[in-house]
Amino acid sequence: MYAITVSEPGGADKITWAQVPTPEPGPGEVLVRTQAVGVNRGDVLQRQGHYPPPAGATEVMGLEGLGIIAELGEGVGDHEVGEQVLALLAGGAYAEYFVASAEHLLPVPAGVDPVKAAGLVEVAATVVSNFDRVGLGAGETVLIHGGAGGVGGFAIQYAKALGARVLTTASRRKGPYCRRLGADEVIDYAGDWEPAVMVATADRGVDVILDIIGARYLEANVRCLATEGRMVTIGLQKGVKGTLNLAVLLNKRGTITATSLRGRPADQKAAICRRVEQAVWPLLTDGTIRPGNQTRIPLREAARAHELLESGENTGKIILVADPPR
């Protein structure tokens, strides 16, 4: 088969479309013929050499995929060859075929374009598991950084579905998009966003922060927390080391936590998949949550997809679409 490979860590120019061995499914796994792949920030980090796959996982990028089951591994009884599935992966989807655990498969939500659904698995799993972790509830206020991205756009809609008030940061150009998704307040991150958050909350602060930025926003995020506020960091786009006045956190009785989805144990990822299917898929079917903007690029042109993601010009999700079977 052919797959996207990376000759050495570096820029998008290190990406090639090359012939590699077709993987074989082990016990409890399925082989899937790829139809579409969601592009994620983790793919870019892996290409750069900053986010290696977990031990035993393929070096091929791709954390979520859509496709048709081509082969069943030993012991797989709940699926069949020819079935269209979505998959949460530790890697491998940037290829004509990928292997997935049968426990990490999901059906395409009823009434949703399958290719659009290919970009929902990773974001839904990330957002649902992290909002569960910090207990976001109805009547609370949440600050979502990067509201115009794939994770941010989904998080805005899911938080609104939970009954929360949503503040989000985004560029001025992308603000209208965030508002269309349901954000109550959009704050231009190019300005001084911290005072704007406090004005929007009448100096109370926010109950929950979903942070993709990391070190650069650490101190300001903590200052923006309300009493008993909770922050969860899921990305490190602007640094891994920061300073923090612990007295501010202590006086707020605040909580800071951080998670990564890719390296979680298989049973935890299986539970997250079932949670997503139960909590999110019905909201997509009834239109409460709508897939955000989507840019589709041929799978073999993954380098162009990475360049677009790194440019910051894209709004919503980038999807790699595979060629029809030969």
C-alpha atoms as a PDB file:
ATOM      1  CA  MET A   1       0.000   0.000   0.000  1.00  0.00           C
ATOM      2  CA  TYR A   2       0.962   3.669  -0.097  1.00  0.00           C
ATOM      3  CA  ALA A   3       1.219   5.886   2.965  1.00  0.00           C
ATOM      4  CA  ILE A   4       2.402   9.314   3.991  1.00  0.00           C
ATOM      5  CA  THR A   5       5.885   8.938   5.446  1.00  0.00           C
ATOM      6  CA  VAL A   6       8.311  11.424   6.990  1.00  0.00           C
ATOM      7  CA  SER A   7      11.920  11.118   5.851  1.00  0.00           C
ATOM      8  CA  GLU A   8      13.255  12.962   8.912  1.00  0.00           C
ATOM      9  CA  PRO A   9      11.826  15.333  11.526  1.00  0.00           C
ATOM     10  CA  GLY A  10      11.271  18.795  10.120  1.00  0.00           C
ATOM     11  CA  GLY A  11       9.003  20.819   7.881  1.00  0.00           C
ATOM     12  CA  ALA A  12       6.194  19.727   5.606  1.00  0.00           C
ATOM     13  CA  ASP A  13       8.767  19.233   2.845  1.00  0.00           C
ATOM     14  CA  LYS A  14       9.885  16.072   4.674  1.00  0.00           C
ATOM     15  CA  ILE A  15       6.548  14.416   3.850  1.00  0.00           C
ATOM     16  CA  THR A  16       6.466  11.851   1.040  1.00  0.00           C
ATOM     17  CA  TRP A  17       3.880   9.489  -0.487  1.00  0.00           C
ATOM     18  CA  ALA A  18       5.678   6.142  -0.438  1.00  0.00           C
ATOM     19  CA  GLN A  19       5.022   2.432  -0.701  1.00  0.00           C
ATOM     20  CA  VAL A  20       5.086   0.581   2.636  1.00  0.00           C
ATOM     21  CA  PRO A  21       3.935  -2.850   3.836  1.00  0.00           C
ATOM     22  CA  THR A  22       0.205  -3.190   4.404  1.00  0.00           C
ATOM     23  CA  PRO A  23      -0.423  -3.725   8.133  1.00  0.00           C
ATOM     24  CA  GLU A  24      -2.131  -6.859   9.414  1.00  0.00           C
ATOM     25  CA  PRO A  25      -4.784  -6.809  12.149  1.00  0.00           C
ATOM     26  CA  GLY A  26      -3.950  -8.631  15.353  1.00  0.00           C
ATOM     27  CA  PRO A  27      -6.404 -10.151  17.845  1.00  0.00           C
ATOM     28  CA  GLY A  28      -9.216  -7.715  18.595  1.00  0.00           C
ATOM     29  CA  GLU A  29      -8.272  -5.469  15.683  1.00  0.00           C
ATOM     30  CA  VAL A  30      -9.610  -4.690  12.211  1.00  0.00           C
ATOM     31  CA  LEU A  31      -7.958  -3.621   8.969  1.00  0.00           C
ATOM     32  CA  VAL A  32      -9.709  -0.609   7.451  1.00  0.00           C
ATOM     33  CA  ARG A  33      -9.478   0.748   3.903  1.00  0.00           C
ATOM     34  CA  THR A  34      -9.095   4.481   4.371  1.00  0.00           C
ATOM     35  CA  GLN A  35     -11.667   6.911   3.001  1.00  0.00           C
ATOM     36  CA  ALA A  36     -10.894  10.073   4.967  1.00  0.00           C
ATOM     37  CA  VAL A  37      -8.569  11.261   7.738  1.00  0.00           C
ATOM     38  CA  GLY A  38      -8.842  14.167  10.150  1.00  0.00           C
ATOM     39  CA  VAL A  39      -5.715  16.342  10.393  1.00  0.00           C
ATOM     40  CA  ASN A  40      -4.744  17.291  13.947  1.00  0.00           C
ATOM     41  CA  ARG A  41      -2.126  19.478  15.594  1.00  0.00           C
ATOM     42  CA  GLY A  42      -0.576  16.296  17.008  1.00  0.00           C
ATOM     43  CA  ASP A  43       0.237  15.184  13.449  1.00  0.00           C
ATOM     44  CA  VAL A  44       2.265  18.342  12.895  1.00  0.00           C
ATOM     45  CA  LEU A  45       4.088  17.884  16.187  1.00  0.00           C
ATOM     46  CA  GLN A  46       4.882  14.278  15.301  1.00  0.00           C
ATOM     47  CA  ARG A  47       6.244  15.336  11.906  1.00  0.00           C
ATOM     48  CA  GLN A  48       8.461  17.857  13.674  1.00  0.00           C
ATOM     49  CA  GLY A  49       9.785  15.194  16.047  1.00  0.00           C
ATOM     50  CA  HIS A  50       8.062  16.554  19.174  1.00  0.00           C
ATOM     51  CA  TYR A  51       5.244  14.015  19.618  1.00  0.00           C
ATOM     52  CA  PRO A  52       6.431  10.439  19.055  1.00  0.00           C
ATOM     53  CA  PRO A  53       3.831   7.659  18.872  1.00  0.00           C
ATOM     54  CA  PRO A  54       3.318   5.460  21.943  1.00  0.00           C
ATOM     55  CA  ALA A  55       5.457   2.346  22.248  1.00  0.00           C
ATOM     56  CA  GLY A  56       4.352  -0.292  19.763  1.00  0.00           C
ATOM     57  CA  ALA A  57       2.289   2.100  17.622  1.00  0.00           C
ATOM     58  CA  THR A  58       2.943   2.742  13.942  1.00  0.00           C
ATOM     59  CA  GLU A  59       5.148   5.636  12.860  1.00  0.00           C
ATOM     60  CA  VAL A  60       2.538   6.624  10.260  1.00  0.00           C
ATOM     61  CA  MET A  61       0.621   9.738  11.302  1.00  0.00           C
ATOM     62  CA  GLY A  62      -3.153   9.962  11.686  1.00  0.00           C
ATOM     63  CA  LEU A  63      -5.167   9.952  14.921  1.00  0.00           C
ATOM     64  CA  GLU A  64      -8.642   9.482  13.448  1.00  0.00           C
ATOM     65  CA  GLY A  65     -10.022   7.933  10.314  1.00  0.00           C
ATOM     66  CA  LEU A  66     -13.042   6.863   8.307  1.00  0.00           C
ATOM     67  CA  GLY A  67     -13.088   3.759   6.181  1.00  0.00           C
ATOM     68  CA  ILE A  68     -14.439   0.363   5.226  1.00  0.00           C
ATOM     69  CA  ILE A  69     -13.474  -2.744   7.187  1.00  0.00           C
ATOM     70  CA  ALA A  70     -11.394  -4.956   4.902  1.00  0.00           C
ATOM     71  CA  GLU A  71     -10.358  -7.701   7.327  1.00  0.00           C
ATOM     72  CA  LEU A  72     -11.219  -8.851  10.844  1.00  0.00           C
ATOM     73  CA  GLY A  73      -8.621  -9.918  13.348  1.00  0.00           C
ATOM     74  CA  GLU A  74      -9.049 -12.914  15.622  1.00  0.00           C
ATOM     75  CA  GLY A  75     -11.854 -12.572  18.142  1.00  0.00           C
ATOM     76  CA  VAL A  76     -13.670  -9.640  16.494  1.00  0.00           C
ATOM     77  CA  GLY A  77     -17.339 -10.566  16.481  1.00  0.00           C
ATOM     78  CA  ASP A  78     -19.259  -7.281  16.611  1.00  0.00           C
ATOM     79  CA  HIS A  79     -18.191  -5.982  13.193  1.00  0.00           C
ATOM     80  CA  GLU A  80     -18.152  -7.283   9.633  1.00  0.00           C
ATOM     81  CA  VAL A  81     -16.156  -6.853   6.439  1.00  0.00           C
ATOM     82  CA  GLY A  82     -17.649  -4.062   4.337  1.00  0.00           C
ATOM     83  CA  GLU A  83     -18.866  -2.038   7.321  1.00  0.00           C
ATOM     84  CA  GLN A  84     -18.135   1.690   7.300  1.00  0.00           C
ATOM     85  CA  VAL A  85     -16.598   2.835  10.575  1.00  0.00           C
ATOM     86  CA  LEU A  86     -14.886   5.721  12.313  1.00  0.00           C
ATOM     87  CA  ALA A  87     -11.808   5.028  14.406  1.00  0.00           C
ATOM     88  CA  LEU A  88      -9.880   6.697  17.215  1.00  0.00           C
ATOM     89  CA  LEU A  89      -6.214   5.834  16.693  1.00  0.00           C
ATOM     90  CA  ALA A  90      -2.754   6.179  18.163  1.00  0.00           C
ATOM     91  CA  GLY A  91      -1.592   6.613  14.549  1.00  0.00           C
ATOM     92  CA  GLY A  92      -1.735   5.064  11.104  1.00  0.00           C
ATOM     93  CA  ALA A  93      -4.571   6.788   9.226  1.00  0.00           C
ATOM     94  CA  TYR A  94      -2.360   8.648   6.719  1.00  0.00           C
ATOM     95  CA  ALA A  95      -2.326   5.538   4.539  1.00  0.00           C
ATOM     96  CA  GLU A  96      -4.445   3.516   2.148  1.00  0.00           C
ATOM     97  CA  TYR A  97      -5.139   1.067   4.992  1.00  0.00           C
ATOM     98  CA  PHE A  98      -4.914   1.342   8.767  1.00  0.00           C
ATOM     99  CA  VAL A  99      -5.351  -1.014  11.713  1.00  0.00           C
ATOM    100  CA  ALA A 100      -7.646  -0.105  14.598  1.00  0.00           C
ATOM    101  CA  SER A 101      -8.778  -1.730  17.808  1.00  0.00           C
ATOM    102  CA  ALA A 102     -12.360  -2.922  17.440  1.00  0.00           C
ATOM    103  CA  GLU A 103     -13.075  -1.288  20.810  1.00  0.00           C
ATOM    104  CA  HIS A 104     -12.048   2.110  19.409  1.00  0.00           C
ATOM    105  CA  LEU A 105     -14.473   2.052  16.485  1.00  0.00           C
ATOM    106  CA  LEU A 106     -17.609   4.163  16.226  1.00  0.00           C
ATOM    107  CA  PRO A 107     -20.467   4.191  13.741  1.00  0.00           C
ATOM    108  CA  VAL A 108     -21.030   7.206  11.518  1.00  0.00           C
ATOM    109  CA  PRO A 109     -23.670   9.352  13.278  1.00  0.00           C
ATOM    110  CA  ALA A 110     -27.052   9.012  11.592  1.00  0.00           C
ATOM    111  CA  GLY A 111     -27.698  11.781   9.087  1.00  0.00           C
ATOM    112  CA  VAL A 112     -24.107  13.072   9.067  1.00  0.00           C
ATOM    113  CA  ASP A 113     -21.907  13.128   5.964  1.00  0.00           C
ATOM    114  CA  PRO A 114     -19.321  10.382   6.641  1.00  0.00           C
ATOM    115  CA  VAL A 115     -16.394  12.495   5.441  1.00  0.00           C
ATOM    116  CA  LYS A 116     -17.406  15.324   7.778  1.00  0.00           C
ATOM    117  CA  ALA A 117     -17.656  12.767  10.570  1.00  0.00           C
ATOM    118  CA  ALA A 118     -14.030  11.777   9.912  1.00  0.00           C
ATOM    119  CA  GLY A 119     -12.990  15.049  11.522  1.00  0.00           C
ATOM    120  CA  LEU A 120     -15.174  14.671  14.600  1.00  0.00           C
ATOM    121  CA  VAL A 121     -13.724  11.639  16.380  1.00  0.00           C
ATOM    122  CA  GLU A 122     -10.582  13.153  17.898  1.00  0.00           C
ATOM    123  CA  VAL A 123     -12.178  16.506  18.743  1.00  0.00           C
ATOM    124  CA  ALA A 124     -15.260  14.920  20.322  1.00  0.00           C
ATOM    125  CA  ALA A 125     -13.183  12.468  22.351  1.00  0.00           C
ATOM    126  CA  THR A 126     -10.896  15.279  23.519  1.00  0.00           C
ATOM    127  CA  VAL A 127     -13.640  17.728  24.449  1.00  0.00           C
ATOM    128  CA  VAL A 128     -16.042  15.291  26.083  1.00  0.00           C
ATOM    129  CA  SER A 129     -13.380  13.564  28.173  1.00  0.00           C
ATOM    130  CA  ASN A 130     -11.931  16.873  29.365  1.00  0.00           C
ATOM    131  CA  PHE A 131     -15.233  18.580  30.137  1.00  0.00           C
ATOM    132  CA  ASP A 132     -16.152  15.435  32.065  1.00  0.00           C
ATOM    133  CA  ARG A 133     -12.816  15.670  33.877  1.00  0.00           C
ATOM    134  CA  VAL A 134     -13.442  19.224  35.092  1.00  0.00           C
ATOM    135  CA  GLY A 135     -17.190  18.760  35.525  1.00  0.00           C
ATOM    136  CA  LEU A 136     -18.477  21.563  33.284  1.00  0.00           C
ATOM    137  CA  GLY A 137     -22.165  21.968  34.027  1.00  0.00           C
ATOM    138  CA  ALA A 138     -25.254  23.993  33.178  1.00  0.00           C
ATOM    139  CA  GLY A 139     -25.144  27.599  34.332  1.00  0.00           C
ATOM    140  CA  GLU A 140     -21.345  27.774  34.425  1.00  0.00           C
ATOM    141  CA  THR A 141     -19.111  29.975  32.288  1.00  0.00           C
ATOM    142  CA  VAL A 142     -16.328  28.431  30.234  1.00  0.00           C
ATOM    143  CA  LEU A 143     -13.409  30.082  28.422  1.00  0.00           C
ATOM    144  CA  ILE A 144     -12.328  28.163  25.327  1.00  0.00           C
ATOM    145  CA  HIS A 145      -9.059  29.229  23.746  1.00  0.00           C
ATOM    146  CA  GLY A 146      -8.798  28.888  19.978  1.00  0.00           C
ATOM    147  CA  GLY A 147     -12.522  28.777  19.249  1.00  0.00           C
ATOM    148  CA  ALA A 148     -12.111  28.769  15.471  1.00  0.00           C
ATOM    149  CA  GLY A 149     -10.096  25.537  15.368  1.00  0.00           C
ATOM    150  CA  GLY A 150     -11.392  21.985  15.183  1.00  0.00           C
ATOM    151  CA  VAL A 151     -11.338  21.365  18.934  1.00  0.00           C
ATOM    152  CA  GLY A 152     -12.461  24.883  19.802  1.00  0.00           C
ATOM    153  CA  GLY A 153     -15.353  24.918  17.364  1.00  0.00           C
ATOM    154  CA  PHE A 154     -16.660  21.624  18.667  1.00  0.00           C
ATOM    155  CA  ALA A 155     -16.112  22.680  22.285  1.00  0.00           C
ATOM    156  CA  ILE A 156     -18.197  25.827  21.797  1.00  0.00           C
ATOM    157  CA  GLN A 157     -21.159  23.792  20.602  1.00  0.00           C
ATOM    158  CA  TYR A 158     -20.848  21.023  23.172  1.00  0.00           C
ATOM    159  CA  ALA A 159     -20.531  23.508  26.031  1.00  0.00           C
ATOM    160  CA  LYS A 160     -23.680  25.273  24.838  1.00  0.00           C
ATOM    161  CA  ALA A 161     -25.450  21.912  24.669  1.00  0.00           C
ATOM    162  CA  LEU A 162     -24.470  21.374  28.320  1.00  0.00           C
ATOM    163  CA  GLY A 163     -26.079  24.702  29.218  1.00  0.00           C
ATOM    164  CA  ALA A 164     -22.887  26.712  29.771  1.00  0.00           C
ATOM    165  CA  ARG A 165     -22.132  30.303  28.832  1.00  0.00           C
ATOM    166  CA  VAL A 166     -19.227  30.349  26.371  1.00  0.00           C
ATOM    167  CA  LEU A 167     -16.397  32.851  26.054  1.00  0.00           C
ATOM    168  CA  THR A 168     -13.769  32.138  23.429  1.00  0.00           C
ATOM    169  CA  THR A 169     -10.585  33.658  22.068  1.00  0.00           C
ATOM    170  CA  ALA A 170     -10.022  33.923  18.328  1.00  0.00           C
ATOM    171  CA  SER A 171      -8.639  36.329  15.754  1.00  0.00           C
ATOM    172  CA  ARG A 172     -10.855  39.239  14.802  1.00  0.00           C
ATOM    173  CA  ARG A 173     -11.318  37.736  11.333  1.00  0.00           C
ATOM    174  CA  LYS A 174     -12.556  34.439  12.747  1.00  0.00           C
ATOM    175  CA  GLY A 175     -14.834  35.944  15.394  1.00  0.00           C
ATOM    176  CA  PRO A 176     -18.039  35.774  13.301  1.00  0.00           C
ATOM    177  CA  TYR A 177     -17.472  32.055  12.728  1.00  0.00           C
ATOM    178  CA  CYS A 178     -17.250  31.434  16.495  1.00  0.00           C
ATOM    179  CA  ARG A 179     -20.442  33.408  17.051  1.00  0.00           C
ATOM    180  CA  ARG A 180     -22.250  31.323  14.433  1.00  0.00           C
ATOM    181  CA  LEU A 181     -21.237  28.231  16.387  1.00  0.00           C
ATOM    182  CA  GLY A 182     -22.859  29.706  19.506  1.00  0.00           C
ATOM    183  CA  ALA A 183     -20.142  31.585  21.414  1.00  0.00           C
ATOM    184  CA  ASP A 184     -21.657  34.240  23.682  1.00  0.00           C
ATOM    185  CA  GLU A 185     -18.512  36.385  23.728  1.00  0.00           C
ATOM    186  CA  VAL A 186     -15.578  36.321  21.295  1.00  0.00           C
ATOM    187  CA  ILE A 187     -12.363  37.994  22.455  1.00  0.00           C
ATOM    188  CA  ASP A 188      -9.562  38.944  20.079  1.00  0.00           C
ATOM    189  CA  TYR A 189      -6.487  37.115  21.338  1.00  0.00           C
ATOM    190  CA  ALA A 190      -4.243  39.621  19.564  1.00  0.00           C
ATOM    191  CA  GLY A 191      -5.243  42.209  22.159  1.00  0.00           C
ATOM    192  CA  ASP A 192      -5.204  42.102  25.947  1.00  0.00           C
ATOM    193  CA  TRP A 193      -7.700  39.286  26.352  1.00  0.00           C
ATOM    194  CA  GLU A 194      -7.447  38.901  30.148  1.00  0.00           C
ATOM    195  CA  PRO A 195      -9.212  42.197  31.030  1.00  0.00           C
ATOM    196  CA  ALA A 196     -11.864  41.428  28.416  1.00  0.00           C
ATOM    197  CA  VAL A 197     -12.618  38.120  30.152  1.00  0.00           C
ATOM    198  CA  MET A 198     -13.013  39.877  33.489  1.00  0.00           C
ATOM    199  CA  VAL A 199     -15.275  42.542  31.979  1.00  0.00           C
ATOM    200  CA  ALA A 200     -17.422  39.850  30.348  1.00  0.00           C
ATOM    201  CA  THR A 201     -17.833  38.102  33.714  1.00  0.00           C
ATOM    202  CA  ALA A 202     -18.281  41.277  35.815  1.00  0.00           C
ATOM    203  CA  ASP A 203     -14.926  40.503  37.522  1.00  0.00           C
ATOM    204  CA  ARG A 204     -16.146  37.100  38.709  1.00  0.00           C
ATOM    205  CA  GLY A 205     -13.974  35.037  36.370  1.00  0.00           C
ATOM    206  CA  VAL A 206     -14.793  31.806  34.601  1.00  0.00           C
ATOM    207  CA  ASP A 207     -15.631  28.426  36.077  1.00  0.00           C
ATOM    208  CA  VAL A 208     -13.749  26.364  33.493  1.00  0.00           C
ATOM    209  CA  ILE A 209     -10.932  27.025  31.013  1.00  0.00           C
ATOM    210  CA  LEU A 210     -10.104  24.723  28.094  1.00  0.00           C
ATOM    211  CA  ASP A 211      -6.549  25.688  27.153  1.00  0.00           C
ATOM    212  CA  ILE A 212      -4.571  24.754  24.054  1.00  0.00           C
ATOM    213  CA  ILE A 213      -1.837  27.368  24.482  1.00  0.00           C
ATOM    214  CA  GLY A 214       0.167  26.235  27.499  1.00  0.00           C
ATOM    215  CA  ALA A 215       2.900  28.248  29.207  1.00  0.00           C
ATOM    216  CA  ARG A 216       2.285  31.658  27.648  1.00  0.00           C
ATOM    217  CA  TYR A 217      -1.271  31.825  29.013  1.00  0.00           C
ATOM    218  CA  LEU A 218      -0.672  30.083  32.346  1.00  0.00           C
ATOM    219  CA  GLU A 219      -0.619  33.035  34.715  1.00  0.00           C
ATOM    220  CA  ALA A 220      -3.372  34.964  32.937  1.00  0.00           C
ATOM    221  CA  ASN A 221      -5.565  31.863  32.839  1.00  0.00           C
ATOM    222  CA  VAL A 222      -5.264  31.367  36.585  1.00  0.00           C
ATOM    223  CA  ARG A 223      -6.074  35.011  37.234  1.00  0.00           C
ATOM    224  CA  CYS A 224      -9.209  34.575  35.094  1.00  0.00           C
ATOM    225  CA  LEU A 225     -10.505  31.632  37.124  1.00  0.00           C
ATOM    226  CA  ALA A 226     -13.480  32.174  39.410  1.00  0.00           C
ATOM    227  CA  THR A 227     -13.454  30.821  42.945  1.00  0.00           C
ATOM    228  CA  GLU A 228     -13.414  26.998  42.699  1.00  0.00           C
ATOM    229  CA  GLY A 229     -12.497  27.378  39.026  1.00  0.00           C
ATOM    230  CA  ARG A 230     -10.949  24.529  37.031  1.00  0.00           C
ATOM    231  CA  MET A 231      -8.534  24.681  34.123  1.00  0.00           C
ATOM    232  CA  VAL A 232      -7.570  21.806  31.859  1.00  0.00           C
ATOM    233  CA  THR A 233      -4.628  22.131  29.479  1.00  0.00           C
ATOM    234  CA  ILE A 234      -4.799  19.989  26.355  1.00  0.00           C
ATOM    235  CA  GLY A 235      -2.169  21.675  24.177  1.00  0.00           C
ATOM    236  CA  LEU A 236       1.204  23.366  24.423  1.00  0.00           C
ATOM    237  CA  GLN A 237       1.267  25.549  21.329  1.00  0.00           C
ATOM    238  CA  LYS A 238       3.046  28.413  23.098  1.00  0.00           C
ATOM    239  CA  GLY A 239       5.468  26.797  25.482  1.00  0.00           C
ATOM    240  CA  VAL A 240       5.895  24.020  28.019  1.00  0.00           C
ATOM    241  CA  LYS A 241       7.432  25.890  30.958  1.00  0.00           C
ATOM    242  CA  GLY A 242       5.825  28.784  32.798  1.00  0.00           C
ATOM    243  CA  THR A 243       5.756  30.490  36.162  1.00  0.00           C
ATOM    244  CA  LEU A 244       2.805  30.637  38.514  1.00  0.00           C
ATOM    245  CA  ASN A 245       1.970  32.525  41.686  1.00  0.00           C
ATOM    246  CA  LEU A 246       0.578  29.644  43.711  1.00  0.00           C
ATOM    247  CA  ALA A 247      -1.018  32.061  46.168  1.00  0.00           C
ATOM    248  CA  VAL A 248      -3.430  33.172  43.444  1.00  0.00           C
ATOM    249  CA  LEU A 249      -4.430  29.575  42.762  1.00  0.00           C
ATOM    250  CA  LEU A 250      -4.686  28.801  46.474  1.00  0.00           C
ATOM    251  CA  ASN A 251      -6.878  31.809  47.233  1.00  0.00           C
ATOM    252  CA  LYS A 252      -9.234  30.818  44.421  1.00  0.00           C
ATOM    253  CA  ARG A 253      -9.257  27.187  45.597  1.00  0.00           C
ATOM    254  CA  GLY A 254      -8.573  26.494  41.944  1.00  0.00           C
ATOM    255  CA  THR A 255      -7.652  23.329  40.087  1.00  0.00           C
ATOM    256  CA  ILE A 256      -5.222  22.884  37.206  1.00  0.00           C
ATOM    257  CA  THR A 257      -5.104  19.607  35.325  1.00  0.00           C
ATOM    258  CA  ALA A 258      -3.722  18.467  31.973  1.00  0.00           C
ATOM    259  CA  THR A 259      -4.404  15.515  29.710  1.00  0.00           C
ATOM    260  CA  SER A 260      -3.306  13.850  26.500  1.00  0.00           C
ATOM    261  CA  LEU A 261      -5.610  11.446  24.672  1.00  0.00           C
ATOM    262  CA  ARG A 262      -3.179   9.546  22.450  1.00  0.00           C
ATOM    263  CA  GLY A 263      -1.233   7.711  25.132  1.00  0.00           C
ATOM    264  CA  ARG A 264      -4.116   6.694  27.366  1.00  0.00           C
ATOM    265  CA  PRO A 265      -4.581   2.992  28.121  1.00  0.00           C
ATOM    266  CA  ALA A 266      -6.738   1.113  25.631  1.00  0.00           C
ATOM    267  CA  ASP A 267      -9.576   0.541  28.096  1.00  0.00           C
ATOM    268  CA  GLN A 268      -9.813   4.277  28.861  1.00  0.00           C
ATOM    269  CA  LYS A 269      -9.944   5.109  25.162  1.00  0.00           C
ATOM    270  CA  ALA A 270     -12.633   2.483  24.646  1.00  0.00           C
ATOM    271  CA  ALA A 271     -14.699   4.042  27.437  1.00  0.00           C
ATOM    272  CA  ILE A 272     -14.257   7.492  25.880  1.00  0.00           C
ATOM    273  CA  CYS A 273     -15.446   6.171  22.512  1.00  0.00           C
ATOM    274  CA  ARG A 274     -18.592   4.756  24.096  1.00  0.00           C
ATOM    275  CA  ARG A 275     -19.146   8.027  25.955  1.00  0.00           C
ATOM    276  CA  VAL A 276     -18.840   9.997  22.700  1.00  0.00           C
ATOM    277  CA  GLU A 277     -21.262   7.672  20.930  1.00  0.00           C
ATOM    278  CA  GLN A 278     -23.766   8.053  23.764  1.00  0.00           C
ATOM    279  CA  ALA A 279     -23.417  11.771  24.499  1.00  0.00           C
ATOM    280  CA  VAL A 280     -22.441  13.364  21.183  1.00  0.00           C
ATOM    281  CA  TRP A 281     -23.717  11.331  18.264  1.00  0.00           C
ATOM    282  CA  PRO A 282     -27.415  12.014  19.093  1.00  0.00           C
ATOM    283  CA  LEU A 283     -26.628  15.762  19.244  1.00  0.00           C
ATOM    284  CA  LEU A 284     -25.183  15.559  15.731  1.00  0.00           C
ATOM    285  CA  THR A 285     -28.147  13.598  14.445  1.00  0.00           C
ATOM    286  CA  ASP A 286     -30.706  16.075  15.782  1.00  0.00           C
ATOM    287  CA  GLY A 287     -28.687  19.121  14.681  1.00  0.00           C
ATOM    288  CA  THR A 288     -27.842  20.470  18.148  1.00  0.00           C
ATOM    289  CA  ILE A 289     -24.177  20.218  17.126  1.00  0.00           C
ATOM    290  CA  ARG A 290     -23.172  20.779  13.507  1.00  0.00           C
ATOM    291  CA  PRO A 291     -19.851  19.834  11.934  1.00  0.00           C
ATOM    292  CA  GLY A 292     -17.803  23.013  11.591  1.00  0.00           C
ATOM    293  CA  ASN A 293     -16.037  24.343   8.528  1.00  0.00           C
ATOM    294  CA  GLN A 294     -14.058  21.740   6.652  1.00  0.00           C
ATOM    295  CA  THR A 295     -11.265  21.964   4.081  1.00  0.00           C
ATOM    296  CA  ARG A 296     -10.741  18.791   2.057  1.00  0.00           C
ATOM    297  CA  ILE A 297      -7.371  17.916   0.543  1.00  0.00           C
ATOM    298  CA  PRO A 298      -6.290  14.672  -1.212  1.00  0.00           C
ATOM    299  CA  LEU A 299      -4.486  12.279   1.145  1.00  0.00           C
ATOM    300  CA  ARG A 300      -1.375  12.147  -1.027  1.00  0.00           C
ATOM    301  CA  GLU A 301      -1.126  15.968  -0.632  1.00  0.00           C
ATOM    302  CA  ALA A 302      -0.803  15.828   3.154  1.00  0.00           C
ATOM    303  CA  ALA A 303       2.140  18.233   3.007  1.00  0.00           C
ATOM    304  CA  ARG A 304      -0.205  20.945   1.728  1.00  0.00           C
ATOM    305  CA  ALA A 305      -2.629  20.181   4.575  1.00  0.00           C
ATOM    306  CA  HIS A 306       0.133  20.589   7.150  1.00  0.00           C
ATOM    307  CA  GLU A 307       1.251  23.874   5.613  1.00  0.00           C
ATOM    308  CA  LEU A 308      -2.314  25.176   5.778  1.00  0.00           C
ATOM    309  CA  LEU A 309      -2.752  24.129   9.409  1.00  0.00           C
ATOM    310  CA  GLU A 310       0.535  25.745  10.424  1.00  0.00           C
ATOM    311  CA  SER A 311      -0.328  28.970   8.582  1.00  0.00           C
ATOM    312  CA  GLY A 312      -3.214  29.692  10.941  1.00  0.00           C
ATOM    313  CA  GLU A 313      -5.365  30.691   7.976  1.00  0.00           C
ATOM    314  CA  ASN A 314      -7.694  27.706   8.132  1.00  0.00           C
ATOM    315  CA  THR A 315     -10.984  27.810  10.013  1.00  0.00           C
ATOM    316  CA  GLY A 316     -12.428  24.549  11.296  1.00  0.00           C
ATOM    317  CA  LYS A 317     -11.024  21.158  10.364  1.00  0.00           C
ATOM    318  CA  ILE A 318      -8.787  19.906   7.543  1.00  0.00           C
ATOM    319  CA  ILE A 319      -9.688  16.492   6.104  1.00  0.00           C
ATOM    320  CA  LEU A 320      -7.507  14.288   3.926  1.00  0.00           C
ATOM    321  CA  VAL A 321      -9.583  12.360   1.412  1.00  0.00           C
ATOM    322  CA  ALA A 322      -8.259   9.079   0.012  1.00  0.00           C
ATOM    323  CA  ASP A 323      -8.396   8.097  -3.644  1.00  0.00           C
ATOM    324  CA  PRO A 324     -11.126   5.598  -4.579  1.00  0.00           C
ATOM    325  CA  PRO A 325      -9.901   1.979  -4.499  1.00  0.00           C
ATOM    326  CA  ARG A 326      -7.971   0.926  -7.563  1.00  0.00           C
END
